[in-house]
Amino acid sequence: MSYLIKDTTREQRKQIVKRAYAISLASGEEPSNETLEEFKEYVDGKTELKEIQERIISKYRK
């Protein structure tokens, strides 16, 4: 399955983010509000998931 905005509907992007959120909770950590806002950008079709992933990873590398 492609996760690109052009290949998904808003509803599909919501489901993708819900699954990611559930996985995060299962690991014992709740995503920060900043991370949740970034995922909202993906759901809204503003930012690709890959870009969000790169931003989040770069924060933890510092």
PDB file of N, CA and C in Angstrom:
ATOM      1  N   MET A   1       0.844  -1.193   0.000  1.00  0.00           N
ATOM      2  CA  MET A   1       0.000   0.000   0.000  1.00  0.00           C
ATOM      3  C   MET A   1       0.882   1.246   0.000  1.00  0.00           C
ATOM      4  N   SER A   2       0.520   2.191  -0.808  1.00  0.00           N
ATOM      5  CA  SER A   2       1.217   3.463  -0.843  1.00  0.00           C
ATOM      6  C   SER A   2       0.614   4.390   0.214  1.00  0.00           C
ATOM      7  N   TYR A   3       1.475   5.089   0.941  1.00  0.00           N
ATOM      8  CA  TYR A   3       1.023   6.022   1.963  1.00  0.00           C
ATOM      9  C   TYR A   3       1.070   7.464   1.477  1.00  0.00           C
ATOM     10  N   LEU A   4       1.391   7.654   0.207  1.00  0.00           N
ATOM     11  CA  LEU A   4       1.462   9.000  -0.349  1.00  0.00           C
ATOM     12  C   LEU A   4       0.092   9.663  -0.321  1.00  0.00           C
ATOM     13  N   ILE A   5       0.083  10.962  -0.127  1.00  0.00           N
ATOM     14  CA  ILE A   5      -1.166  11.708  -0.073  1.00  0.00           C
ATOM     15  C   ILE A   5      -1.966  11.504  -1.358  1.00  0.00           C
ATOM     16  N   LYS A   6      -1.283  11.520  -2.490  1.00  0.00           N
ATOM     17  CA  LYS A   6      -1.988  11.391  -3.769  1.00  0.00           C
ATOM     18  C   LYS A   6      -2.638  10.016  -3.948  1.00  0.00           C
ATOM     19  N   ASP A   7      -2.179   9.027  -3.202  1.00  0.00           N
ATOM     20  CA  ASP A   7      -2.683   7.664  -3.335  1.00  0.00           C
ATOM     21  C   ASP A   7      -3.650   7.259  -2.231  1.00  0.00           C
ATOM     22  N   THR A   8      -3.975   8.185  -1.328  1.00  0.00           N
ATOM     23  CA  THR A   8      -4.849   7.857  -0.201  1.00  0.00           C
ATOM     24  C   THR A   8      -5.945   8.906  -0.056  1.00  0.00           C
ATOM     25  N   THR A   9      -7.030   8.477   0.542  1.00  0.00           N
ATOM     26  CA  THR A   9      -8.093   9.426   0.879  1.00  0.00           C
ATOM     27  C   THR A   9      -7.830   9.954   2.291  1.00  0.00           C
ATOM     28  N   ARG A  10      -8.524  10.989   2.649  1.00  0.00           N
ATOM     29  CA  ARG A  10      -8.388  11.546   3.997  1.00  0.00           C
ATOM     30  C   ARG A  10      -8.726  10.477   5.039  1.00  0.00           C
ATOM     31  N   GLU A  11      -9.776   9.714   4.778  1.00  0.00           N
ATOM     32  CA  GLU A  11     -10.195   8.665   5.715  1.00  0.00           C
ATOM     33  C   GLU A  11      -9.112   7.591   5.859  1.00  0.00           C
ATOM     34  N   GLN A  12      -8.482   7.218   4.774  1.00  0.00           N
ATOM     35  CA  GLN A  12      -7.396   6.235   4.837  1.00  0.00           C
ATOM     36  C   GLN A  12      -6.225   6.784   5.641  1.00  0.00           C
ATOM     37  N   ARG A  13      -5.911   8.058   5.451  1.00  0.00           N
ATOM     38  CA  ARG A  13      -4.809   8.672   6.220  1.00  0.00           C
ATOM     39  C   ARG A  13      -5.144   8.708   7.700  1.00  0.00           C
ATOM     40  N   LYS A  14      -6.414   8.952   8.044  1.00  0.00           N
ATOM     41  CA  LYS A  14      -6.832   8.914   9.451  1.00  0.00           C
ATOM     42  C   LYS A  14      -6.582   7.533  10.040  1.00  0.00           C
ATOM     43  N   GLN A  15      -6.939   6.502   9.305  1.00  0.00           N
ATOM     44  CA  GLN A  15      -6.753   5.138   9.779  1.00  0.00           C
ATOM     45  C   GLN A  15      -5.269   4.802   9.947  1.00  0.00           C
ATOM     46  N   ILE A  16      -4.444   5.265   9.046  1.00  0.00           N
ATOM     47  CA  ILE A  16      -2.994   5.042   9.138  1.00  0.00           C
ATOM     48  C   ILE A  16      -2.459   5.682  10.410  1.00  0.00           C
ATOM     49  N   VAL A  17      -2.881   6.911  10.679  1.00  0.00           N
ATOM     50  CA  VAL A  17      -2.420   7.621  11.873  1.00  0.00           C
ATOM     51  C   VAL A  17      -2.964   6.952  13.141  1.00  0.00           C
ATOM     52  N   LYS A  18      -4.202   6.485  13.116  1.00  0.00           N
ATOM     53  CA  LYS A  18      -4.759   5.789  14.283  1.00  0.00           C
ATOM     54  C   LYS A  18      -3.963   4.531  14.608  1.00  0.00           C
ATOM     55  N   ARG A  19      -3.568   3.787  13.575  1.00  0.00           N
ATOM     56  CA  ARG A  19      -2.770   2.575  13.805  1.00  0.00           C
ATOM     57  C   ARG A  19      -1.408   2.944  14.398  1.00  0.00           C
ATOM     58  N   ALA A  20      -0.796   3.981  13.863  1.00  0.00           N
ATOM     59  CA  ALA A  20       0.506   4.416  14.382  1.00  0.00           C
ATOM     60  C   ALA A  20       0.379   4.867  15.838  1.00  0.00           C
ATOM     61  N   TYR A  21      -0.699   5.552  16.152  1.00  0.00           N
ATOM     62  CA  TYR A  21      -0.942   6.008  17.522  1.00  0.00           C
ATOM     63  C   TYR A  21      -1.108   4.814  18.464  1.00  0.00           C
ATOM     64  N   ALA A  22      -1.865   3.831  18.034  1.00  0.00           N
ATOM     65  CA  ALA A  22      -2.082   2.637  18.858  1.00  0.00           C
ATOM     66  C   ALA A  22      -0.773   1.896  19.106  1.00  0.00           C
ATOM     67  N   ILE A  23       0.060   1.799  18.091  1.00  0.00           N
ATOM     68  CA  ILE A  23       1.362   1.135  18.251  1.00  0.00           C
ATOM     69  C   ILE A  23       2.210   1.899  19.257  1.00  0.00           C
ATOM     70  N   SER A  24       2.178   3.211  19.163  1.00  0.00           N
ATOM     71  CA  SER A  24       2.946   4.038  20.096  1.00  0.00           C
ATOM     72  C   SER A  24       2.473   3.826  21.530  1.00  0.00           C
ATOM     73  N   LEU A  25       1.170   3.788  21.735  1.00  0.00           N
ATOM     74  CA  LEU A  25       0.628   3.567  23.076  1.00  0.00           C
ATOM     75  C   LEU A  25       0.983   2.182  23.592  1.00  0.00           C
ATOM     76  N   ALA A  26       0.963   1.200  22.707  1.00  0.00           N
ATOM     77  CA  ALA A  26       1.289  -0.172  23.108  1.00  0.00           C
ATOM     78  C   ALA A  26       2.735  -0.290  23.561  1.00  0.00           C
ATOM     79  N   SER A  27       3.591   0.574  23.027  1.00  0.00           N
ATOM     80  CA  SER A  27       5.003   0.537  23.417  1.00  0.00           C
ATOM     81  C   SER A  27       5.240   1.295  24.724  1.00  0.00           C
ATOM     82  N   GLY A  28       4.185   1.906  25.238  1.00  0.00           N
ATOM     83  CA  GLY A  28       4.297   2.569  26.539  1.00  0.00           C
ATOM     84  C   GLY A  28       4.576   4.055  26.472  1.00  0.00           C
ATOM     85  N   GLU A  29       4.600   4.621  25.278  1.00  0.00           N
ATOM     86  CA  GLU A  29       4.870   6.050  25.167  1.00  0.00           C
ATOM     87  C   GLU A  29       3.794   6.724  24.334  1.00  0.00           C
ATOM     88  N   GLU A  30       3.285   7.809  24.866  1.00  0.00           N
ATOM     89  CA  GLU A  30       2.304   8.590  24.122  1.00  0.00           C
ATOM     90  C   GLU A  30       3.050   9.635  23.283  1.00  0.00           C
ATOM     91  N   PRO A  31       2.661   9.808  22.023  1.00  0.00           N
ATOM     92  CA  PRO A  31       3.321  10.810  21.192  1.00  0.00           C
ATOM     93  C   PRO A  31       3.129  12.212  21.765  1.00  0.00           C
ATOM     94  N   SER A  32       4.101  13.070  21.539  1.00  0.00           N
ATOM     95  CA  SER A  32       3.996  14.449  22.025  1.00  0.00           C
ATOM     96  C   SER A  32       2.918  15.187  21.233  1.00  0.00           C
ATOM     97  N   ASN A  33       2.468  16.295  21.786  1.00  0.00           N
ATOM     98  CA  ASN A  33       1.484  17.126  21.082  1.00  0.00           C
ATOM     99  C   ASN A  33       2.046  17.614  19.749  1.00  0.00           C
ATOM    100  N   GLU A  34       3.331  17.905  19.733  1.00  0.00           N
ATOM    101  CA  GLU A  34       3.984  18.345  18.502  1.00  0.00           C
ATOM    102  C   GLU A  34       3.911  17.252  17.429  1.00  0.00           C
ATOM    103  N   THR A  35       4.165  16.022  17.813  1.00  0.00           N
ATOM    104  CA  THR A  35       4.091  14.904  16.879  1.00  0.00           C
ATOM    105  C   THR A  35       2.657  14.706  16.390  1.00  0.00           C
ATOM    106  N   LEU A  36       1.703  14.820  17.283  1.00  0.00           N
ATOM    107  CA  LEU A  36       0.302  14.681  16.895  1.00  0.00           C
ATOM    108  C   LEU A  36      -0.105  15.767  15.898  1.00  0.00           C
ATOM    109  N   GLU A  37       0.405  16.973  16.089  1.00  0.00           N
ATOM    110  CA  GLU A  37       0.127  18.060  15.147  1.00  0.00           C
ATOM    111  C   GLU A  37       0.727  17.754  13.769  1.00  0.00           C
ATOM    112  N   GLU A  38       1.900  17.159  13.764  1.00  0.00           N
ATOM    113  CA  GLU A  38       2.523  16.801  12.488  1.00  0.00           C
ATOM    114  C   GLU A  38       1.700  15.734  11.776  1.00  0.00           C
ATOM    115  N   PHE A  39       1.184  14.769  12.514  1.00  0.00           N
ATOM    116  CA  PHE A  39       0.350  13.749  11.894  1.00  0.00           C
ATOM    117  C   PHE A  39      -0.956  14.343  11.370  1.00  0.00           C
ATOM    118  N   LYS A  40      -1.447  15.382  12.024  1.00  0.00           N
ATOM    119  CA  LYS A  40      -2.654  16.057  11.538  1.00  0.00           C
ATOM    120  C   LYS A  40      -2.380  16.673  10.165  1.00  0.00           C
ATOM    121  N   GLU A  41      -1.163  17.189   9.965  1.00  0.00           N
ATOM    122  CA  GLU A  41      -0.787  17.741   8.665  1.00  0.00           C
ATOM    123  C   GLU A  41      -0.871  16.669   7.583  1.00  0.00           C
ATOM    124  N   TYR A  42      -0.479  15.450   7.923  1.00  0.00           N
ATOM    125  CA  TYR A  42      -0.575  14.344   6.973  1.00  0.00           C
ATOM    126  C   TYR A  42      -2.032  14.017   6.671  1.00  0.00           C
ATOM    127  N   VAL A  43      -2.843  13.903   7.707  1.00  0.00           N
ATOM    128  CA  VAL A  43      -4.266  13.606   7.515  1.00  0.00           C
ATOM    129  C   VAL A  43      -4.911  14.684   6.642  1.00  0.00           C
ATOM    130  N   ASP A  44      -4.543  15.930   6.862  1.00  0.00           N
ATOM    131  CA  ASP A  44      -5.107  17.050   6.106  1.00  0.00           C
ATOM    132  C   ASP A  44      -4.524  17.172   4.700  1.00  0.00           C
ATOM    133  N   GLY A  45      -3.550  16.330   4.371  1.00  0.00           N
ATOM    134  CA  GLY A  45      -2.980  16.348   3.024  1.00  0.00           C
ATOM    135  C   GLY A  45      -1.970  17.448   2.784  1.00  0.00           C
ATOM    136  N   LYS A  46      -1.369  17.966   3.851  1.00  0.00           N
ATOM    137  CA  LYS A  46      -0.412  19.068   3.730  1.00  0.00           C
ATOM    138  C   LYS A  46       1.040  18.611   3.688  1.00  0.00           C
ATOM    139  N   THR A  47       1.353  17.513   4.362  1.00  0.00           N
ATOM    140  CA  THR A  47       2.731  17.050   4.479  1.00  0.00           C
ATOM    141  C   THR A  47       2.773  15.538   4.328  1.00  0.00           C
ATOM    142  N   GLU A  48       3.694  15.061   3.517  1.00  0.00           N
ATOM    143  CA  GLU A  48       3.829  13.616   3.325  1.00  0.00           C
ATOM    144  C   GLU A  48       4.349  12.958   4.598  1.00  0.00           C
ATOM    145  N   LEU A  49       3.947  11.737   4.800  1.00  0.00           N
ATOM    146  CA  LEU A  49       4.346  10.972   5.972  1.00  0.00           C
ATOM    147  C   LEU A  49       5.865  10.839   6.063  1.00  0.00           C
ATOM    148  N   LYS A  50       6.509  10.646   4.932  1.00  0.00           N
ATOM    149  CA  LYS A  50       7.970  10.506   4.886  1.00  0.00           C
ATOM    150  C   LYS A  50       8.651  11.761   5.443  1.00  0.00           C
ATOM    151  N   GLU A  51       8.134  12.936   5.092  1.00  0.00           N
ATOM    152  CA  GLU A  51       8.705  14.189   5.595  1.00  0.00           C
ATOM    153  C   GLU A  51       8.547  14.293   7.109  1.00  0.00           C
ATOM    154  N   ILE A  52       7.392  13.897   7.608  1.00  0.00           N
ATOM    155  CA  ILE A  52       7.139  13.940   9.052  1.00  0.00           C
ATOM    156  C   ILE A  52       8.088  12.983   9.764  1.00  0.00           C
ATOM    157  N   GLN A  53       8.218  11.801   9.209  1.00  0.00           N
ATOM    158  CA  GLN A  53       9.118  10.800   9.786  1.00  0.00           C
ATOM    159  C   GLN A  53      10.545  11.349   9.862  1.00  0.00           C
ATOM    160  N   GLU A  54      11.006  11.970   8.801  1.00  0.00           N
ATOM    161  CA  GLU A  54      12.361  12.528   8.787  1.00  0.00           C
ATOM    162  C   GLU A  54      12.530  13.621   9.842  1.00  0.00           C
ATOM    163  N   ARG A  55      11.517  14.471  10.002  1.00  0.00           N
ATOM    164  CA  ARG A  55      11.591  15.536  11.019  1.00  0.00           C
ATOM    165  C   ARG A  55      11.669  14.948  12.422  1.00  0.00           C
ATOM    166  N   ILE A  56      10.840  13.948  12.687  1.00  0.00           N
ATOM    167  CA  ILE A  56      10.816  13.340  14.020  1.00  0.00           C
ATOM    168  C   ILE A  56      12.151  12.652  14.307  1.00  0.00           C
ATOM    169  N   ILE A  57      12.670  11.921  13.361  1.00  0.00           N
ATOM    170  CA  ILE A  57      13.958  11.248  13.546  1.00  0.00           C
ATOM    171  C   ILE A  57      15.066  12.250  13.770  1.00  0.00           C
ATOM    172  N   SER A  58      15.052  13.344  13.031  1.00  0.00           N
ATOM    173  CA  SER A  58      16.117  14.350  13.190  1.00  0.00           C
ATOM    174  C   SER A  58      16.089  14.990  14.584  1.00  0.00           C
ATOM    175  N   LYS A  59      14.910  15.118  15.179  1.00  0.00           N
ATOM    176  CA  LYS A  59      14.815  15.672  16.542  1.00  0.00           C
ATOM    177  C   LYS A  59      15.530  14.780  17.551  1.00  0.00           C
ATOM    178  N   TYR A  60      15.408  13.494  17.384  1.00  0.00           N
ATOM    179  CA  TYR A  60      16.012  12.550  18.338  1.00  0.00           C
ATOM    180  C   TYR A  60      17.496  12.315  18.085  1.00  0.00           C
ATOM    181  N   ARG A  61      17.956  12.652  16.900  1.00  0.00           N
ATOM    182  CA  ARG A  61      19.383  12.516  16.605  1.00  0.00           C
ATOM    183  C   ARG A  61      20.218  13.596  17.255  1.00  0.00           C
ATOM    184  N   LYS A  62      19.610  14.727  17.544  1.00  0.00           N
ATOM    185  CA  LYS A  62      20.338  15.884  18.094  1.00  0.00           C
ATOM    186  C   LYS A  62      20.751  15.665  19.516  1.00  0.00           C
TER     187      LYS A  62
END
